Amino acid sequence: MQTLVIYDIPDDRTRNRLAEACKDYGLTRIQFSGFMGVLSHHRREELEGRLRQTMGTQVGKIHIFPLCDKDLKLRREIVVAGKGTTGGRKRGKHPGAITEVGDEATSSRTTQA
């Protein structure tokens, strides 16, 4: 099942260690503090334990969301890229374009920013 992990951690070292843990479990970074990938129930529980251990007593918050295929198909992504830069993201046809990406069954839409 797809799993979404997002976190808000003020401490750089702890945040980096959480990111490495997510990568170790095969998750892909989708935001600065967000990862997604396929994990079984057992692996998700293992990851939760590792993230708890990594956090220790540090201030912060971690969310772990299992996502079913039905809900994942409703996913939408809106990307706004500045002129001349994509920030590592795919850009629409025009500089400064806004691209909305959904399920393959739905169409993408690009508008000029």
N, C-alpha and C. Protein backbone atom coordinates (compact mmCIF):
# COMPACT_ATOMS: atom_id res chain seq x y z
N MET A 1 0.84 -1.17 0.00
CA MET A 1 0.00 0.00 0.00
C MET A 1 0.89 1.24 0.00
N GLN A 2 0.48 2.25 -0.75
CA GLN A 2 1.23 3.50 -0.76
C GLN A 2 1.21 4.12 0.64
N THR A 3 2.31 4.72 1.02
CA THR A 3 2.42 5.37 2.32
C THR A 3 2.98 6.76 2.12
N LEU A 4 2.36 7.73 2.76
CA LEU A 4 2.81 9.12 2.73
C LEU A 4 3.35 9.46 4.11
N VAL A 5 4.57 9.98 4.16
CA VAL A 5 5.19 10.42 5.41
C VAL A 5 5.52 11.90 5.26
N ILE A 6 4.97 12.72 6.15
CA ILE A 6 5.31 14.14 6.17
C ILE A 6 5.70 14.52 7.58
N TYR A 7 6.58 15.49 7.70
CA TYR A 7 7.03 15.88 9.03
C TYR A 7 7.39 17.36 9.09
N ASP A 8 7.33 17.88 10.30
CA ASP A 8 7.71 19.26 10.58
C ASP A 8 8.66 19.20 11.77
N ILE A 9 9.95 19.29 11.48
CA ILE A 9 11.00 19.13 12.48
C ILE A 9 11.93 20.33 12.42
N PRO A 10 12.03 21.12 13.48
CA PRO A 10 12.89 22.31 13.43
C PRO A 10 14.40 22.02 13.44
N ASP A 11 14.82 20.90 14.04
CA ASP A 11 16.24 20.59 14.16
C ASP A 11 16.77 19.97 12.86
N ASP A 12 17.76 20.62 12.22
CA ASP A 12 18.30 20.16 10.94
C ASP A 12 18.83 18.74 10.99
N ARG A 13 19.60 18.42 12.03
CA ARG A 13 20.22 17.09 12.13
C ARG A 13 19.15 16.00 12.22
N THR A 14 18.16 16.22 13.06
CA THR A 14 17.07 15.24 13.21
C THR A 14 16.29 15.11 11.91
N ARG A 15 15.99 16.24 11.28
CA ARG A 15 15.26 16.24 10.01
C ARG A 15 16.02 15.44 8.94
N ASN A 16 17.33 15.63 8.86
CA ASN A 16 18.15 14.88 7.90
C ASN A 16 18.16 13.39 8.20
N ARG A 17 18.19 13.04 9.48
CA ARG A 17 18.17 11.63 9.87
C ARG A 17 16.82 10.98 9.53
N LEU A 18 15.73 11.74 9.69
CA LEU A 18 14.41 11.23 9.31
C LEU A 18 14.33 11.00 7.80
N ALA A 19 14.89 11.94 7.04
CA ALA A 19 14.89 11.80 5.58
C ALA A 19 15.67 10.55 5.17
N GLU A 20 16.81 10.31 5.79
CA GLU A 20 17.60 9.13 5.47
C GLU A 20 16.85 7.85 5.81
N ALA A 21 16.13 7.86 6.93
CA ALA A 21 15.33 6.68 7.31
C ALA A 21 14.26 6.40 6.26
N CYS A 22 13.58 7.43 5.80
CA CYS A 22 12.55 7.27 4.76
C CYS A 22 13.17 6.70 3.49
N LYS A 23 14.33 7.20 3.11
CA LYS A 23 15.01 6.69 1.91
C LYS A 23 15.42 5.23 2.10
N ASP A 24 15.88 4.89 3.31
CA ASP A 24 16.28 3.51 3.60
C ASP A 24 15.11 2.54 3.41
N TYR A 25 13.89 3.02 3.60
CA TYR A 25 12.70 2.19 3.43
C TYR A 25 12.14 2.27 2.01
N GLY A 26 12.90 2.88 1.12
CA GLY A 26 12.51 2.92 -0.28
C GLY A 26 11.52 4.00 -0.65
N LEU A 27 11.28 4.95 0.25
CA LEU A 27 10.35 6.03 -0.05
C LEU A 27 11.06 7.09 -0.89
N THR A 28 10.29 7.79 -1.69
CA THR A 28 10.80 8.83 -2.59
C THR A 28 10.38 10.20 -2.07
N ARG A 29 11.32 11.12 -2.08
CA ARG A 29 11.02 12.48 -1.62
C ARG A 29 10.07 13.15 -2.61
N ILE A 30 8.94 13.69 -2.09
CA ILE A 30 7.99 14.40 -2.94
C ILE A 30 7.89 15.88 -2.55
N GLN A 31 8.42 16.22 -1.40
CA GLN A 31 8.50 17.59 -0.91
C GLN A 31 9.75 17.65 -0.04
N PHE A 32 10.10 18.85 0.44
CA PHE A 32 11.28 18.95 1.30
C PHE A 32 11.14 18.06 2.53
N SER A 33 9.96 17.98 3.10
CA SER A 33 9.72 17.15 4.28
C SER A 33 8.58 16.18 4.03
N GLY A 34 8.55 15.58 2.86
CA GLY A 34 7.51 14.62 2.53
C GLY A 34 8.04 13.51 1.64
N PHE A 35 7.66 12.28 1.97
CA PHE A 35 8.10 11.10 1.23
C PHE A 35 6.90 10.21 0.95
N MET A 36 6.97 9.46 -0.16
CA MET A 36 5.91 8.52 -0.49
C MET A 36 6.50 7.29 -1.14
N GLY A 37 5.86 6.15 -0.90
CA GLY A 37 6.28 4.91 -1.52
C GLY A 37 5.43 3.75 -1.02
N VAL A 38 5.70 2.58 -1.56
CA VAL A 38 4.94 1.38 -1.21
C VAL A 38 5.59 0.71 0.00
N LEU A 39 4.78 0.49 1.03
CA LEU A 39 5.23 -0.24 2.23
C LEU A 39 4.12 -1.18 2.67
N SER A 40 4.50 -2.36 3.08
CA SER A 40 3.53 -3.27 3.68
C SER A 40 3.19 -2.76 5.08
N HIS A 41 2.14 -3.34 5.65
CA HIS A 41 1.75 -2.95 7.01
C HIS A 41 2.92 -3.15 7.98
N HIS A 42 3.60 -4.28 7.85
CA HIS A 42 4.72 -4.59 8.74
C HIS A 42 5.86 -3.58 8.57
N ARG A 43 6.22 -3.28 7.31
CA ARG A 43 7.32 -2.32 7.05
C ARG A 43 6.94 -0.92 7.52
N ARG A 44 5.66 -0.55 7.39
CA ARG A 44 5.20 0.76 7.86
C ARG A 44 5.37 0.85 9.38
N GLU A 45 5.04 -0.23 10.10
CA GLU A 45 5.22 -0.25 11.55
C GLU A 45 6.70 -0.17 11.92
N GLU A 46 7.55 -0.86 11.17
CA GLU A 46 9.00 -0.79 11.40
C GLU A 46 9.50 0.64 11.22
N LEU A 47 9.06 1.27 10.12
CA LEU A 47 9.46 2.65 9.85
C LEU A 47 8.98 3.58 10.96
N GLU A 48 7.76 3.39 11.42
CA GLU A 48 7.24 4.22 12.52
C GLU A 48 8.14 4.11 13.74
N GLY A 49 8.55 2.88 14.07
CA GLY A 49 9.44 2.68 15.22
C GLY A 49 10.77 3.38 15.02
N ARG A 50 11.31 3.27 13.83
CA ARG A 50 12.61 3.94 13.55
C ARG A 50 12.47 5.45 13.63
N LEU A 51 11.37 5.99 13.09
CA LEU A 51 11.18 7.44 13.14
C LEU A 51 11.00 7.92 14.58
N ARG A 52 10.26 7.14 15.38
CA ARG A 52 10.09 7.50 16.80
C ARG A 52 11.44 7.51 17.52
N GLN A 53 12.24 6.49 17.24
CA GLN A 53 13.56 6.39 17.87
C GLN A 53 14.44 7.56 17.42
N THR A 54 14.40 7.89 16.15
CA THR A 54 15.20 8.99 15.61
C THR A 54 14.79 10.31 16.23
N MET A 55 13.49 10.51 16.40
CA MET A 55 12.98 11.76 17.01
C MET A 55 13.43 11.90 18.46
N GLY A 56 13.42 10.79 19.19
CA GLY A 56 13.79 10.86 20.59
C GLY A 56 12.91 11.88 21.30
N THR A 57 13.55 12.85 21.95
CA THR A 57 12.80 13.88 22.68
C THR A 57 12.78 15.21 21.93
N GLN A 58 13.22 15.19 20.66
CA GLN A 58 13.23 16.41 19.86
C GLN A 58 11.80 16.90 19.61
N VAL A 59 11.64 18.20 19.54
CA VAL A 59 10.35 18.81 19.24
C VAL A 59 10.04 18.57 17.76
N GLY A 60 8.79 18.24 17.45
CA GLY A 60 8.40 18.07 16.06
C GLY A 60 7.19 17.18 15.93
N LYS A 61 6.78 16.99 14.68
CA LYS A 61 5.59 16.19 14.39
C LYS A 61 5.81 15.40 13.11
N ILE A 62 5.40 14.13 13.14
CA ILE A 62 5.48 13.25 11.97
C ILE A 62 4.09 12.68 11.72
N HIS A 63 3.67 12.69 10.45
CA HIS A 63 2.41 12.06 10.05
C HIS A 63 2.74 10.92 9.11
N ILE A 64 2.11 9.76 9.32
CA ILE A 64 2.26 8.60 8.44
C ILE A 64 0.86 8.22 7.97
N PHE A 65 0.64 8.33 6.65
CA PHE A 65 -0.68 8.05 6.08
C PHE A 65 -0.62 6.86 5.13
N PRO A 66 -1.31 5.75 5.42
CA PRO A 66 -1.48 4.71 4.42
C PRO A 66 -2.53 5.20 3.42
N LEU A 67 -2.28 5.02 2.13
CA LEU A 67 -3.19 5.51 1.08
C LEU A 67 -3.64 4.35 0.21
N CYS A 68 -4.95 4.16 0.11
CA CYS A 68 -5.47 3.10 -0.76
C CYS A 68 -5.43 3.58 -2.21
N ASP A 69 -5.49 2.64 -3.14
CA ASP A 69 -5.42 2.97 -4.56
C ASP A 69 -6.55 3.90 -4.98
N LYS A 70 -7.73 3.69 -4.43
CA LYS A 70 -8.89 4.53 -4.78
C LYS A 70 -8.61 5.99 -4.45
N ASP A 71 -8.11 6.25 -3.25
CA ASP A 71 -7.81 7.63 -2.86
C ASP A 71 -6.62 8.18 -3.62
N LEU A 72 -5.64 7.34 -3.90
CA LEU A 72 -4.44 7.78 -4.61
C LEU A 72 -4.79 8.24 -6.03
N LYS A 73 -5.79 7.63 -6.64
CA LYS A 73 -6.22 8.04 -7.98
C LYS A 73 -6.81 9.44 -7.98
N LEU A 74 -7.26 9.91 -6.83
CA LEU A 74 -7.83 11.26 -6.73
C LEU A 74 -6.76 12.32 -6.50
N ARG A 75 -5.52 11.89 -6.38
CA ARG A 75 -4.40 12.79 -6.12
C ARG A 75 -4.27 13.85 -7.21
N ARG A 76 -3.99 15.07 -6.81
CA ARG A 76 -3.72 16.17 -7.73
C ARG A 76 -2.44 16.84 -7.28
N GLU A 77 -1.64 17.29 -8.24
CA GLU A 77 -0.40 17.99 -7.95
C GLU A 77 -0.42 19.31 -8.70
N ILE A 78 -0.18 20.37 -7.99
CA ILE A 78 -0.10 21.69 -8.60
C ILE A 78 1.32 22.19 -8.42
N VAL A 79 2.00 22.46 -9.53
CA VAL A 79 3.39 22.91 -9.49
C VAL A 79 3.45 24.31 -10.08
N VAL A 80 4.02 25.24 -9.35
CA VAL A 80 4.24 26.59 -9.85
C VAL A 80 5.74 26.80 -9.93
N ALA A 81 6.25 26.98 -11.14
CA ALA A 81 7.68 27.16 -11.36
C ALA A 81 7.95 28.61 -11.71
N GLY A 82 8.99 29.18 -11.11
CA GLY A 82 9.38 30.55 -11.41
C GLY A 82 9.98 30.65 -12.79
N LYS A 83 10.07 31.84 -13.30
CA LYS A 83 10.63 32.06 -14.64
C LYS A 83 12.10 31.64 -14.66
N GLY A 84 12.44 30.80 -15.65
CA GLY A 84 13.82 30.40 -15.85
C GLY A 84 14.31 29.32 -14.90
N THR A 85 13.47 28.86 -13.98
CA THR A 85 13.90 27.82 -13.06
C THR A 85 12.73 26.89 -12.79
N THR A 86 13.04 25.64 -12.57
CA THR A 86 12.00 24.68 -12.24
C THR A 86 12.14 24.19 -10.81
N GLY A 87 13.20 24.58 -10.14
CA GLY A 87 13.39 24.11 -8.77
C GLY A 87 13.46 22.59 -8.70
N GLY A 88 13.93 21.96 -9.79
CA GLY A 88 14.04 20.51 -9.80
C GLY A 88 12.73 19.83 -10.17
N ARG A 89 11.70 20.58 -10.51
CA ARG A 89 10.40 20.01 -10.85
C ARG A 89 10.14 20.15 -12.34
N LYS A 90 9.21 19.38 -12.84
CA LYS A 90 8.82 19.51 -14.24
C LYS A 90 8.08 20.82 -14.42
N ARG A 91 8.34 21.48 -15.51
CA ARG A 91 7.71 22.75 -15.78
C ARG A 91 6.79 22.60 -16.98
N GLY A 92 5.77 23.42 -17.02
CA GLY A 92 4.84 23.42 -18.16
C GLY A 92 5.51 23.96 -19.40
N LYS A 93 4.73 24.21 -20.42
CA LYS A 93 5.25 24.67 -21.71
C LYS A 93 5.87 26.05 -21.65
N HIS A 94 5.46 26.87 -20.72
CA HIS A 94 5.89 28.26 -20.66
C HIS A 94 6.57 28.56 -19.33
N PRO A 95 7.60 29.45 -19.31
CA PRO A 95 8.20 29.83 -18.03
C PRO A 95 7.13 30.38 -17.10
N GLY A 96 7.21 30.04 -15.85
CA GLY A 96 6.24 30.53 -14.87
C GLY A 96 4.90 29.82 -14.97
N ALA A 97 4.85 28.65 -15.64
CA ALA A 97 3.58 27.95 -15.84
C ALA A 97 3.16 27.21 -14.57
N ILE A 98 1.88 27.03 -14.43
CA ILE A 98 1.32 26.23 -13.35
C ILE A 98 0.83 24.94 -13.99
N THR A 99 1.28 23.81 -13.48
CA THR A 99 0.88 22.53 -14.05
C THR A 99 0.13 21.74 -13.00
N GLU A 100 -1.05 21.26 -13.35
CA GLU A 100 -1.82 20.39 -12.47
C GLU A 100 -1.72 18.99 -13.05
N VAL A 101 -1.34 18.03 -12.21
CA VAL A 101 -1.18 16.67 -12.66
C VAL A 101 -2.07 15.78 -11.82
N GLY A 102 -2.87 14.96 -12.47
CA GLY A 102 -3.73 14.02 -11.76
C GLY A 102 -3.45 12.62 -12.22
N ASP A 103 -4.41 11.74 -12.05
CA ASP A 103 -4.32 10.37 -12.51
C ASP A 103 -4.16 10.36 -14.03
N GLU A 104 -3.59 9.30 -14.56
CA GLU A 104 -3.39 9.19 -16.01
C GLU A 104 -4.71 9.32 -16.76
N ALA A 105 -5.79 8.93 -16.12
CA ALA A 105 -7.09 8.99 -16.78
C ALA A 105 -7.60 10.42 -16.91
N THR A 106 -7.03 11.32 -16.13
CA THR A 106 -7.46 12.72 -16.21
C THR A 106 -6.43 13.50 -17.00
N SER A 107 -6.82 14.62 -17.51
CA SER A 107 -5.90 15.41 -18.32
C SER A 107 -5.12 16.38 -17.44
N SER A 108 -3.92 16.73 -17.89
CA SER A 108 -3.12 17.75 -17.21
C SER A 108 -3.52 19.10 -17.76
N ARG A 109 -3.38 20.12 -16.96
CA ARG A 109 -3.73 21.46 -17.40
C ARG A 109 -2.58 22.39 -17.03
N THR A 110 -2.15 23.21 -17.98
CA THR A 110 -1.06 24.16 -17.74
C THR A 110 -1.58 25.55 -17.99
N THR A 111 -1.31 26.45 -17.05
CA THR A 111 -1.69 27.85 -17.21
C THR A 111 -0.49 28.73 -16.96
N GLN A 112 -0.46 29.84 -17.61
CA GLN A 112 0.65 30.79 -17.45
C GLN A 112 0.49 31.52 -16.11
N ALA A 113 1.59 31.61 -15.35
CA ALA A 113 1.56 32.28 -14.04
C ALA A 113 1.81 33.76 -14.24
